[in-house]
Amino acid sequence: MGHHDKNKKKSNGEAGGGVDWRKEEKHHKHMEQLAKLGAAAAGAYAMHEKHKAEKDPEHARSHKMKEEIAAAIAAGSAGFAVHEHHKKKEAKKHARHH
């Protein structure tokens, strides 16, 4: 994943550096929101293609494939949102203890 730089030390006022948990929490919150938005957009596109498949029987097969791909993307994005929600909670827990 390109959104983390594992070699870069973040300073939060501690002598040895370390992870800035509040910044980490904010990052995961933003990623969760983007994933939710992506899931909603892909879901809407899937519904759009389903409607087109019904209205355009000549190209129904193409629309059905696009619908299924969009539905899979929506499901994947929703799964990523759940993952980021878990990471956000983890960072929030660490932030309280530091």
PDB file of N, CA and C in Angstrom:
ATOM      1  N   MET A   1       0.842  -1.183   0.000  1.00  0.00           N
ATOM      2  CA  MET A   1       0.000   0.000   0.000  1.00  0.00           C
ATOM      3  C   MET A   1       0.883   1.240   0.000  1.00  0.00           C
ATOM      4  N   GLY A   2       0.574   2.185  -0.804  1.00  0.00           N
ATOM      5  CA  GLY A   2       1.399   3.356  -0.963  1.00  0.00           C
ATOM      6  C   GLY A   2       1.104   4.492  -0.007  1.00  0.00           C
ATOM      7  N   HIS A   3       0.133   4.334   0.886  1.00  0.00           N
ATOM      8  CA  HIS A   3      -0.217   5.456   1.736  1.00  0.00           C
ATOM      9  C   HIS A   3       0.537   5.479   3.055  1.00  0.00           C
ATOM     10  N   HIS A   4       1.414   4.529   3.291  1.00  0.00           N
ATOM     11  CA  HIS A   4       2.228   4.525   4.503  1.00  0.00           C
ATOM     12  C   HIS A   4       3.707   4.505   4.132  1.00  0.00           C
ATOM     13  N   ASP A   5       4.496   5.234   4.872  1.00  0.00           N
ATOM     14  CA  ASP A   5       5.933   5.191   4.689  1.00  0.00           C
ATOM     15  C   ASP A   5       6.510   4.553   5.947  1.00  0.00           C
ATOM     16  N   LYS A   6       6.809   3.263   5.878  1.00  0.00           N
ATOM     17  CA  LYS A   6       7.245   2.507   7.055  1.00  0.00           C
ATOM     18  C   LYS A   6       8.608   2.960   7.581  1.00  0.00           C
ATOM     19  N   ASN A   7       9.448   3.512   6.713  1.00  0.00           N
ATOM     20  CA  ASN A   7      10.789   3.904   7.121  1.00  0.00           C
ATOM     21  C   ASN A   7      10.835   5.290   7.752  1.00  0.00           C
ATOM     22  N   LYS A   8       9.808   6.059   7.566  1.00  0.00           N
ATOM     23  CA  LYS A   8       9.794   7.434   8.059  1.00  0.00           C
ATOM     24  C   LYS A   8       9.293   7.462   9.504  1.00  0.00           C
ATOM     25  N   LYS A   9      10.054   8.064  10.385  1.00  0.00           N
ATOM     26  CA  LYS A   9       9.660   8.199  11.784  1.00  0.00           C
ATOM     27  C   LYS A   9       8.801   9.440  11.945  1.00  0.00           C
ATOM     28  N   LYS A  10       7.732   9.290  12.709  1.00  0.00           N
ATOM     29  CA  LYS A  10       6.847  10.424  12.988  1.00  0.00           C
ATOM     30  C   LYS A  10       7.102  10.864  14.419  1.00  0.00           C
ATOM     31  N   SER A  11       7.165  12.134  14.625  1.00  0.00           N
ATOM     32  CA  SER A  11       7.444  12.655  15.959  1.00  0.00           C
ATOM     33  C   SER A  11       6.160  13.134  16.621  1.00  0.00           C
ATOM     34  N   ASN A  12       5.942  12.706  17.852  1.00  0.00           N
ATOM     35  CA  ASN A  12       4.798  13.193  18.612  1.00  0.00           C
ATOM     36  C   ASN A  12       5.263  13.773  19.950  1.00  0.00           C
ATOM     37  N   GLY A  13       6.473  14.258  19.954  1.00  0.00           N
ATOM     38  CA  GLY A  13       7.004  14.870  21.156  1.00  0.00           C
ATOM     39  C   GLY A  13       7.822  13.919  22.013  1.00  0.00           C
ATOM     40  N   GLU A  14       7.845  12.641  21.667  1.00  0.00           N
ATOM     41  CA  GLU A  14       8.631  11.688  22.432  1.00  0.00           C
ATOM     42  C   GLU A  14      10.086  11.775  22.009  1.00  0.00           C
ATOM     43  N   ALA A  15      10.975  11.361  22.902  1.00  0.00           N
ATOM     44  CA  ALA A  15      12.406  11.477  22.645  1.00  0.00           C
ATOM     45  C   ALA A  15      12.842  10.643  21.441  1.00  0.00           C
ATOM     46  N   GLY A  16      12.328   9.422  21.297  1.00  0.00           N
ATOM     47  CA  GLY A  16      12.771   8.532  20.231  1.00  0.00           C
ATOM     48  C   GLY A  16      11.931   8.601  18.976  1.00  0.00           C
ATOM     49  N   GLY A  17      11.052   9.563  18.892  1.00  0.00           N
ATOM     50  CA  GLY A  17      10.146   9.606  17.743  1.00  0.00           C
ATOM     51  C   GLY A  17       9.030   8.609  17.968  1.00  0.00           C
ATOM     52  N   GLY A  18       8.446   8.075  16.926  1.00  0.00           N
ATOM     53  CA  GLY A  18       7.369   7.103  17.060  1.00  0.00           C
ATOM     54  C   GLY A  18       6.207   7.483  16.180  1.00  0.00           C
ATOM     55  N   VAL A  19       5.090   6.854  16.431  1.00  0.00           N
ATOM     56  CA  VAL A  19       3.907   7.062  15.607  1.00  0.00           C
ATOM     57  C   VAL A  19       3.026   8.148  16.219  1.00  0.00           C
ATOM     58  N   ASP A  20       2.586   9.053  15.393  1.00  0.00           N
ATOM     59  CA  ASP A  20       1.621  10.067  15.818  1.00  0.00           C
ATOM     60  C   ASP A  20       0.236   9.435  15.659  1.00  0.00           C
ATOM     61  N   TRP A  21      -0.310   8.900  16.761  1.00  0.00           N
ATOM     62  CA  TRP A  21      -1.540   8.125  16.692  1.00  0.00           C
ATOM     63  C   TRP A  21      -2.749   8.962  16.302  1.00  0.00           C
ATOM     64  N   ARG A  22      -2.772  10.227  16.699  1.00  0.00           N
ATOM     65  CA  ARG A  22      -3.900  11.085  16.311  1.00  0.00           C
ATOM     66  C   ARG A  22      -3.900  11.325  14.796  1.00  0.00           C
ATOM     67  N   LYS A  23      -2.711  11.509  14.236  1.00  0.00           N
ATOM     68  CA  LYS A  23      -2.585  11.677  12.786  1.00  0.00           C
ATOM     69  C   LYS A  23      -2.974  10.381  12.082  1.00  0.00           C
ATOM     70  N   GLU A  24      -2.552   9.267  12.654  1.00  0.00           N
ATOM     71  CA  GLU A  24      -2.884   7.951  12.102  1.00  0.00           C
ATOM     72  C   GLU A  24      -4.405   7.726  12.129  1.00  0.00           C
ATOM     73  N   GLU A  25      -5.035   8.113  13.227  1.00  0.00           N
ATOM     74  CA  GLU A  25      -6.496   7.982  13.347  1.00  0.00           C
ATOM     75  C   GLU A  25      -7.201   8.817  12.276  1.00  0.00           C
ATOM     76  N   LYS A  26      -6.744  10.039  12.092  1.00  0.00           N
ATOM     77  CA  LYS A  26      -7.335  10.932  11.090  1.00  0.00           C
ATOM     78  C   LYS A  26      -7.177  10.348   9.685  1.00  0.00           C
ATOM     79  N   HIS A  27      -6.002   9.783   9.420  1.00  0.00           N
ATOM     80  CA  HIS A  27      -5.746   9.175   8.110  1.00  0.00           C
ATOM     81  C   HIS A  27      -6.741   8.041   7.838  1.00  0.00           C
ATOM     82  N   HIS A  28      -6.914   7.161   8.819  1.00  0.00           N
ATOM     83  CA  HIS A  28      -7.817   6.026   8.632  1.00  0.00           C
ATOM     84  C   HIS A  28      -9.269   6.483   8.540  1.00  0.00           C
ATOM     85  N   LYS A  29      -9.600   7.560   9.235  1.00  0.00           N
ATOM     86  CA  LYS A  29     -10.956   8.108   9.131  1.00  0.00           C
ATOM     87  C   LYS A  29     -11.219   8.583   7.705  1.00  0.00           C
ATOM     88  N   HIS A  30     -10.258   9.280   7.125  1.00  0.00           N
ATOM     89  CA  HIS A  30     -10.408   9.767   5.749  1.00  0.00           C
ATOM     90  C   HIS A  30     -10.494   8.602   4.768  1.00  0.00           C
ATOM     91  N   MET A  31      -9.659   7.596   4.959  1.00  0.00           N
ATOM     92  CA  MET A  31      -9.690   6.438   4.069  1.00  0.00           C
ATOM     93  C   MET A  31     -11.023   5.695   4.186  1.00  0.00           C
ATOM     94  N   GLU A  32     -11.553   5.609   5.405  1.00  0.00           N
ATOM     95  CA  GLU A  32     -12.856   4.966   5.611  1.00  0.00           C
ATOM     96  C   GLU A  32     -13.953   5.735   4.874  1.00  0.00           C
ATOM     97  N   GLN A  33     -13.918   7.048   4.974  1.00  0.00           N
ATOM     98  CA  GLN A  33     -14.921   7.875   4.297  1.00  0.00           C
ATOM     99  C   GLN A  33     -14.827   7.720   2.783  1.00  0.00           C
ATOM    100  N   LEU A  34     -13.609   7.688   2.255  1.00  0.00           N
ATOM    101  CA  LEU A  34     -13.426   7.495   0.812  1.00  0.00           C
ATOM    102  C   LEU A  34     -13.932   6.120   0.368  1.00  0.00           C
ATOM    103  N   ALA A  35     -13.690   5.109   1.184  1.00  0.00           N
ATOM    104  CA  ALA A  35     -14.148   3.764   0.848  1.00  0.00           C
ATOM    105  C   ALA A  35     -15.677   3.708   0.846  1.00  0.00           C
ATOM    106  N   LYS A  36     -16.309   4.365   1.810  1.00  0.00           N
ATOM    107  CA  LYS A  36     -17.776   4.414   1.844  1.00  0.00           C
ATOM    108  C   LYS A  36     -18.315   5.122   0.601  1.00  0.00           C
ATOM    109  N   LEU A  37     -17.672   6.204   0.225  1.00  0.00           N
ATOM    110  CA  LEU A  37     -18.081   6.944  -0.966  1.00  0.00           C
ATOM    111  C   LEU A  37     -17.922   6.076  -2.212  1.00  0.00           C
ATOM    112  N   GLY A  38     -16.815   5.361  -2.293  1.00  0.00           N
ATOM    113  CA  GLY A  38     -16.583   4.465  -3.423  1.00  0.00           C
ATOM    114  C   GLY A  38     -17.624   3.358  -3.494  1.00  0.00           C
ATOM    115  N   ALA A  39     -18.001   2.817  -2.331  1.00  0.00           N
ATOM    116  CA  ALA A  39     -19.017   1.763  -2.299  1.00  0.00           C
ATOM    117  C   ALA A  39     -20.364   2.298  -2.772  1.00  0.00           C
ATOM    118  N   ALA A  40     -20.708   3.503  -2.321  1.00  0.00           N
ATOM    119  CA  ALA A  40     -21.979   4.106  -2.733  1.00  0.00           C
ATOM    120  C   ALA A  40     -21.985   4.394  -4.237  1.00  0.00           C
ATOM    121  N   ALA A  41     -20.884   4.927  -4.749  1.00  0.00           N
ATOM    122  CA  ALA A  41     -20.805   5.256  -6.173  1.00  0.00           C
ATOM    123  C   ALA A  41     -20.877   3.985  -7.029  1.00  0.00           C
ATOM    124  N   ALA A  42     -20.145   2.954  -6.646  1.00  0.00           N
ATOM    125  CA  ALA A  42     -20.157   1.704  -7.410  1.00  0.00           C
ATOM    126  C   ALA A  42     -21.533   1.045  -7.337  1.00  0.00           C
ATOM    127  N   GLY A  43     -22.175   1.123  -6.184  1.00  0.00           N
ATOM    128  CA  GLY A  43     -23.523   0.576  -6.041  1.00  0.00           C
ATOM    129  C   GLY A  43     -24.516   1.305  -6.924  1.00  0.00           C
ATOM    130  N   ALA A  44     -24.391   2.625  -6.972  1.00  0.00           N
ATOM    131  CA  ALA A  44     -25.273   3.424  -7.823  1.00  0.00           C
ATOM    132  C   ALA A  44     -25.045   3.091  -9.295  1.00  0.00           C
ATOM    133  N   TYR A  45     -23.800   2.909  -9.680  1.00  0.00           N
ATOM    134  CA  TYR A  45     -23.495   2.560 -11.070  1.00  0.00           C
ATOM    135  C   TYR A  45     -24.048   1.173 -11.412  1.00  0.00           C
ATOM    136  N   ALA A  46     -23.963   0.255 -10.456  1.00  0.00           N
ATOM    137  CA  ALA A  46     -24.509  -1.088 -10.683  1.00  0.00           C
ATOM    138  C   ALA A  46     -26.019  -1.010 -10.913  1.00  0.00           C
ATOM    139  N   MET A  47     -26.706  -0.197 -10.122  1.00  0.00           N
ATOM    140  CA  MET A  47     -28.148  -0.030 -10.298  1.00  0.00           C
ATOM    141  C   MET A  47     -28.459   0.608 -11.655  1.00  0.00           C
ATOM    142  N   HIS A  48     -27.638   1.562 -12.044  1.00  0.00           N
ATOM    143  CA  HIS A  48     -27.801   2.233 -13.340  1.00  0.00           C
ATOM    144  C   HIS A  48     -27.671   1.224 -14.477  1.00  0.00           C
ATOM    145  N   GLU A  49     -26.659   0.371 -14.398  1.00  0.00           N
ATOM    146  CA  GLU A  49     -26.448  -0.627 -15.450  1.00  0.00           C
ATOM    147  C   GLU A  49     -27.560  -1.680 -15.444  1.00  0.00           C
ATOM    148  N   LYS A  50     -28.084  -2.010 -14.281  1.00  0.00           N
ATOM    149  CA  LYS A  50     -29.200  -2.955 -14.207  1.00  0.00           C
ATOM    150  C   LYS A  50     -30.412  -2.378 -14.941  1.00  0.00           C
ATOM    151  N   HIS A  51     -30.670  -1.109 -14.721  1.00  0.00           N
ATOM    152  CA  HIS A  51     -31.778  -0.427 -15.389  1.00  0.00           C
ATOM    153  C   HIS A  51     -31.558  -0.395 -16.900  1.00  0.00           C
ATOM    154  N   LYS A  52     -30.323  -0.109 -17.320  1.00  0.00           N
ATOM    155  CA  LYS A  52     -30.007  -0.077 -18.751  1.00  0.00           C
ATOM    156  C   LYS A  52     -30.192  -1.457 -19.387  1.00  0.00           C
ATOM    157  N   ALA A  53     -29.835  -2.514 -18.651  1.00  0.00           N
ATOM    158  CA  ALA A  53     -29.993  -3.873 -19.173  1.00  0.00           C
ATOM    159  C   ALA A  53     -31.460  -4.175 -19.437  1.00  0.00           C
ATOM    160  N   GLU A  54     -32.330  -3.688 -18.566  1.00  0.00           N
ATOM    161  CA  GLU A  54     -33.767  -3.913 -18.747  1.00  0.00           C
ATOM    162  C   GLU A  54     -34.314  -3.096 -19.916  1.00  0.00           C
ATOM    163  N   LYS A  55     -33.811  -1.903 -20.099  1.00  0.00           N
ATOM    164  CA  LYS A  55     -34.327  -0.993 -21.122  1.00  0.00           C
ATOM    165  C   LYS A  55     -33.716  -1.217 -22.505  1.00  0.00           C
ATOM    166  N   ASP A  56     -32.566  -1.860 -22.550  1.00  0.00           N
ATOM    167  CA  ASP A  56     -31.839  -2.039 -23.814  1.00  0.00           C
ATOM    168  C   ASP A  56     -31.530  -3.522 -24.023  1.00  0.00           C
ATOM    169  N   PRO A  57     -32.534  -4.315 -24.415  1.00  0.00           N
ATOM    170  CA  PRO A  57     -32.327  -5.763 -24.521  1.00  0.00           C
ATOM    171  C   PRO A  57     -31.260  -6.167 -25.542  1.00  0.00           C
ATOM    172  N   GLU A  58     -31.035  -5.305 -26.529  1.00  0.00           N
ATOM    173  CA  GLU A  58     -30.034  -5.614 -27.558  1.00  0.00           C
ATOM    174  C   GLU A  58     -28.623  -5.691 -26.959  1.00  0.00           C
ATOM    175  N   HIS A  59     -28.353  -4.862 -25.944  1.00  0.00           N
ATOM    176  CA  HIS A  59     -27.033  -4.828 -25.295  1.00  0.00           C
ATOM    177  C   HIS A  59     -27.104  -5.285 -23.836  1.00  0.00           C
ATOM    178  N   ALA A  60     -28.118  -6.050 -23.502  1.00  0.00           N
ATOM    179  CA  ALA A  60     -28.351  -6.459 -22.113  1.00  0.00           C
ATOM    180  C   ALA A  60     -27.159  -7.228 -21.525  1.00  0.00           C
ATOM    181  N   ARG A  61     -26.539  -8.053 -22.344  1.00  0.00           N
ATOM    182  CA  ARG A  61     -25.414  -8.859 -21.841  1.00  0.00           C
ATOM    183  C   ARG A  61     -24.266  -7.966 -21.376  1.00  0.00           C
ATOM    184  N   SER A  62     -23.947  -6.962 -22.163  1.00  0.00           N
ATOM    185  CA  SER A  62     -22.886  -6.022 -21.805  1.00  0.00           C
ATOM    186  C   SER A  62     -23.241  -5.253 -20.526  1.00  0.00           C
ATOM    187  N   HIS A  63     -24.485  -4.808 -20.443  1.00  0.00           N
ATOM    188  CA  HIS A  63     -24.909  -4.059 -19.254  1.00  0.00           C
ATOM    189  C   HIS A  63     -24.899  -4.953 -18.010  1.00  0.00           C
ATOM    190  N   LYS A  64     -25.282  -6.210 -18.178  1.00  0.00           N
ATOM    191  CA  LYS A  64     -25.301  -7.149 -17.050  1.00  0.00           C
ATOM    192  C   LYS A  64     -23.876  -7.394 -16.536  1.00  0.00           C
ATOM    193  N   MET A  65     -22.916  -7.514 -17.449  1.00  0.00           N
ATOM    194  CA  MET A  65     -21.521  -7.701 -17.028  1.00  0.00           C
ATOM    195  C   MET A  65     -21.016  -6.476 -16.278  1.00  0.00           C
ATOM    196  N   LYS A  66     -21.330  -5.287 -16.804  1.00  0.00           N
ATOM    197  CA  LYS A  66     -20.918  -4.054 -16.132  1.00  0.00           C
ATOM    198  C   LYS A  66     -21.559  -3.946 -14.752  1.00  0.00           C
ATOM    199  N   GLU A  67     -22.821  -4.362 -14.663  1.00  0.00           N
ATOM    200  CA  GLU A  67     -23.523  -4.343 -13.366  1.00  0.00           C
ATOM    201  C   GLU A  67     -22.823  -5.247 -12.355  1.00  0.00           C
ATOM    202  N   GLU A  68     -22.473  -6.448 -12.778  1.00  0.00           N
ATOM    203  CA  GLU A  68     -21.825  -7.405 -11.879  1.00  0.00           C
ATOM    204  C   GLU A  68     -20.438  -6.932 -11.444  1.00  0.00           C
ATOM    205  N   ILE A  69     -19.709  -6.332 -12.356  1.00  0.00           N
ATOM    206  CA  ILE A  69     -18.384  -5.787 -12.006  1.00  0.00           C
ATOM    207  C   ILE A  69     -18.535  -4.654 -11.003  1.00  0.00           C
ATOM    208  N   ALA A  70     -19.487  -3.756 -11.243  1.00  0.00           N
ATOM    209  CA  ALA A  70     -19.717  -2.638 -10.328  1.00  0.00           C
ATOM    210  C   ALA A  70     -20.155  -3.141  -8.953  1.00  0.00           C
ATOM    211  N   ALA A  71     -20.985  -4.192  -8.925  1.00  0.00           N
ATOM    212  CA  ALA A  71     -21.423  -4.758  -7.646  1.00  0.00           C
ATOM    213  C   ALA A  71     -20.236  -5.354  -6.882  1.00  0.00           C
ATOM    214  N   ALA A  72     -19.335  -6.000  -7.595  1.00  0.00           N
ATOM    215  CA  ALA A  72     -18.144  -6.567  -6.947  1.00  0.00           C
ATOM    216  C   ALA A  72     -17.251  -5.461  -6.392  1.00  0.00           C
ATOM    217  N   ILE A  73     -17.121  -4.390  -7.145  1.00  0.00           N
ATOM    218  CA  ILE A  73     -16.320  -3.252  -6.681  1.00  0.00           C
ATOM    219  C   ILE A  73     -16.962  -2.626  -5.453  1.00  0.00           C
ATOM    220  N   ALA A  74     -18.289  -2.515  -5.451  1.00  0.00           N
ATOM    221  CA  ALA A  74     -19.000  -1.961  -4.303  1.00  0.00           C
ATOM    222  C   ALA A  74     -18.762  -2.826  -3.065  1.00  0.00           C
ATOM    223  N   ALA A  75     -18.825  -4.138  -3.233  1.00  0.00           N
ATOM    224  CA  ALA A  75     -18.598  -5.050  -2.110  1.00  0.00           C
ATOM    225  C   ALA A  75     -17.156  -4.936  -1.597  1.00  0.00           C
ATOM    226  N   GLY A  76     -16.204  -4.857  -2.509  1.00  0.00           N
ATOM    227  CA  GLY A  76     -14.802  -4.714  -2.108  1.00  0.00           C
ATOM    228  C   GLY A  76     -14.552  -3.406  -1.387  1.00  0.00           C
ATOM    229  N   SER A  77     -15.157  -2.354  -1.872  1.00  0.00           N
ATOM    230  CA  SER A  77     -14.996  -1.048  -1.247  1.00  0.00           C
ATOM    231  C   SER A  77     -15.628  -1.017   0.143  1.00  0.00           C
ATOM    232  N   ALA A  78     -16.770  -1.678   0.280  1.00  0.00           N
ATOM    233  CA  ALA A  78     -17.415  -1.764   1.599  1.00  0.00           C
ATOM    234  C   ALA A  78     -16.528  -2.549   2.568  1.00  0.00           C
ATOM    235  N   GLY A  79     -15.910  -3.610   2.079  1.00  0.00           N
ATOM    236  CA  GLY A  79     -14.982  -4.382   2.912  1.00  0.00           C
ATOM    237  C   GLY A  79     -13.785  -3.551   3.335  1.00  0.00           C
ATOM    238  N   PHE A  80     -13.284  -2.734   2.423  1.00  0.00           N
ATOM    239  CA  PHE A  80     -12.163  -1.853   2.748  1.00  0.00           C
ATOM    240  C   PHE A  80     -12.576  -0.816   3.791  1.00  0.00           C
ATOM    241  N   ALA A  81     -13.826  -0.332   3.714  1.00  0.00           N
ATOM    242  CA  ALA A  81     -14.329   0.631   4.701  1.00  0.00           C
ATOM    243  C   ALA A  81     -14.361  -0.003   6.091  1.00  0.00           C
ATOM    244  N   VAL A  82     -14.780  -1.268   6.163  1.00  0.00           N
ATOM    245  CA  VAL A  82     -14.800  -1.977   7.448  1.00  0.00           C
ATOM    246  C   VAL A  82     -13.372  -2.120   7.980  1.00  0.00           C
ATOM    247  N   HIS A  83     -12.444  -2.465   7.099  1.00  0.00           N
ATOM    248  CA  HIS A  83     -11.031  -2.604   7.482  1.00  0.00           C
ATOM    249  C   HIS A  83     -10.496  -1.278   8.038  1.00  0.00           C
ATOM    250  N   GLU A  84     -10.760  -0.190   7.335  1.00  0.00           N
ATOM    251  CA  GLU A  84     -10.272   1.119   7.776  1.00  0.00           C
ATOM    252  C   GLU A  84     -10.940   1.548   9.076  1.00  0.00           C
ATOM    253  N   HIS A  85     -12.207   1.187   9.259  1.00  0.00           N
ATOM    254  CA  HIS A  85     -12.891   1.497  10.520  1.00  0.00           C
ATOM    255  C   HIS A  85     -12.176   0.807  11.681  1.00  0.00           C
ATOM    256  N   HIS A  86     -11.785  -0.449  11.468  1.00  0.00           N
ATOM    257  CA  HIS A  86     -11.054  -1.191  12.500  1.00  0.00           C
ATOM    258  C   HIS A  86      -9.703  -0.529  12.792  1.00  0.00           C
ATOM    259  N   LYS A  87      -8.994  -0.129  11.742  1.00  0.00           N
ATOM    260  CA  LYS A  87      -7.698   0.534  11.920  1.00  0.00           C
ATOM    261  C   LYS A  87      -7.859   1.870  12.655  1.00  0.00           C
ATOM    262  N   LYS A  88      -8.939   2.597  12.345  1.00  0.00           N
ATOM    263  CA  LYS A  88      -9.206   3.877  13.001  1.00  0.00           C
ATOM    264  C   LYS A  88      -9.441   3.655  14.495  1.00  0.00           C
ATOM    265  N   LYS A  89     -10.223   2.633  14.826  1.00  0.00           N
ATOM    266  CA  LYS A  89     -10.485   2.331  16.236  1.00  0.00           C
ATOM    267  C   LYS A  89      -9.197   1.950  16.970  1.00  0.00           C
ATOM    268  N   GLU A  90      -8.355   1.204  16.286  1.00  0.00           N
ATOM    269  CA  GLU A  90      -7.074   0.789  16.859  1.00  0.00           C
ATOM    270  C   GLU A  90      -6.190   2.008  17.149  1.00  0.00           C
ATOM    271  N   ALA A  91      -6.129   2.930  16.191  1.00  0.00           N
ATOM    272  CA  ALA A  91      -5.322   4.138  16.360  1.00  0.00           C
ATOM    273  C   ALA A  91      -5.895   5.012  17.475  1.00  0.00           C
ATOM    274  N   LYS A  92      -7.212   5.076  17.556  1.00  0.00           N
ATOM    275  CA  LYS A  92      -7.874   5.878  18.603  1.00  0.00           C
ATOM    276  C   LYS A  92      -7.539   5.310  19.979  1.00  0.00           C
ATOM    277  N   LYS A  93      -7.521   3.974  20.075  1.00  0.00           N
ATOM    278  CA  LYS A  93      -7.176   3.313  21.339  1.00  0.00           C
ATOM    279  C   LYS A  93      -5.743   3.644  21.739  1.00  0.00           C
ATOM    280  N   HIS A  94      -4.819   3.611  20.778  1.00  0.00           N
ATOM    281  CA  HIS A  94      -3.423   3.949  21.059  1.00  0.00           C
ATOM    282  C   HIS A  94      -3.273   5.410  21.430  1.00  0.00           C
ATOM    283  N   ALA A  95      -4.030   6.291  20.785  1.00  0.00           N
ATOM    284  CA  ALA A  95      -3.921   7.728  21.036  1.00  0.00           C
ATOM    285  C   ALA A  95      -4.319   8.054  22.478  1.00  0.00           C
ATOM    286  N   ARG A  96      -5.295   7.353  22.999  1.00  0.00           N
ATOM    287  CA  ARG A  96      -5.745   7.590  24.389  1.00  0.00           C
ATOM    288  C   ARG A  96      -4.671   7.204  25.396  1.00  0.00           C
ATOM    289  N   HIS A  97      -3.869   6.219  25.048  1.00  0.00           N
ATOM    290  CA  HIS A  97      -2.867   5.705  25.994  1.00  0.00           C
ATOM    291  C   HIS A  97      -1.516   6.386  25.879  1.00  0.00           C
ATOM    292  N   HIS A  98      -1.380   7.330  24.944  1.00  0.00           N
ATOM    293  CA  HIS A  98      -0.080   8.009  24.784  1.00  0.00           C
ATOM    294  C   HIS A  98      -0.201   9.467  25.047  1.00  0.00           C
TER     295      HIS A  98
END
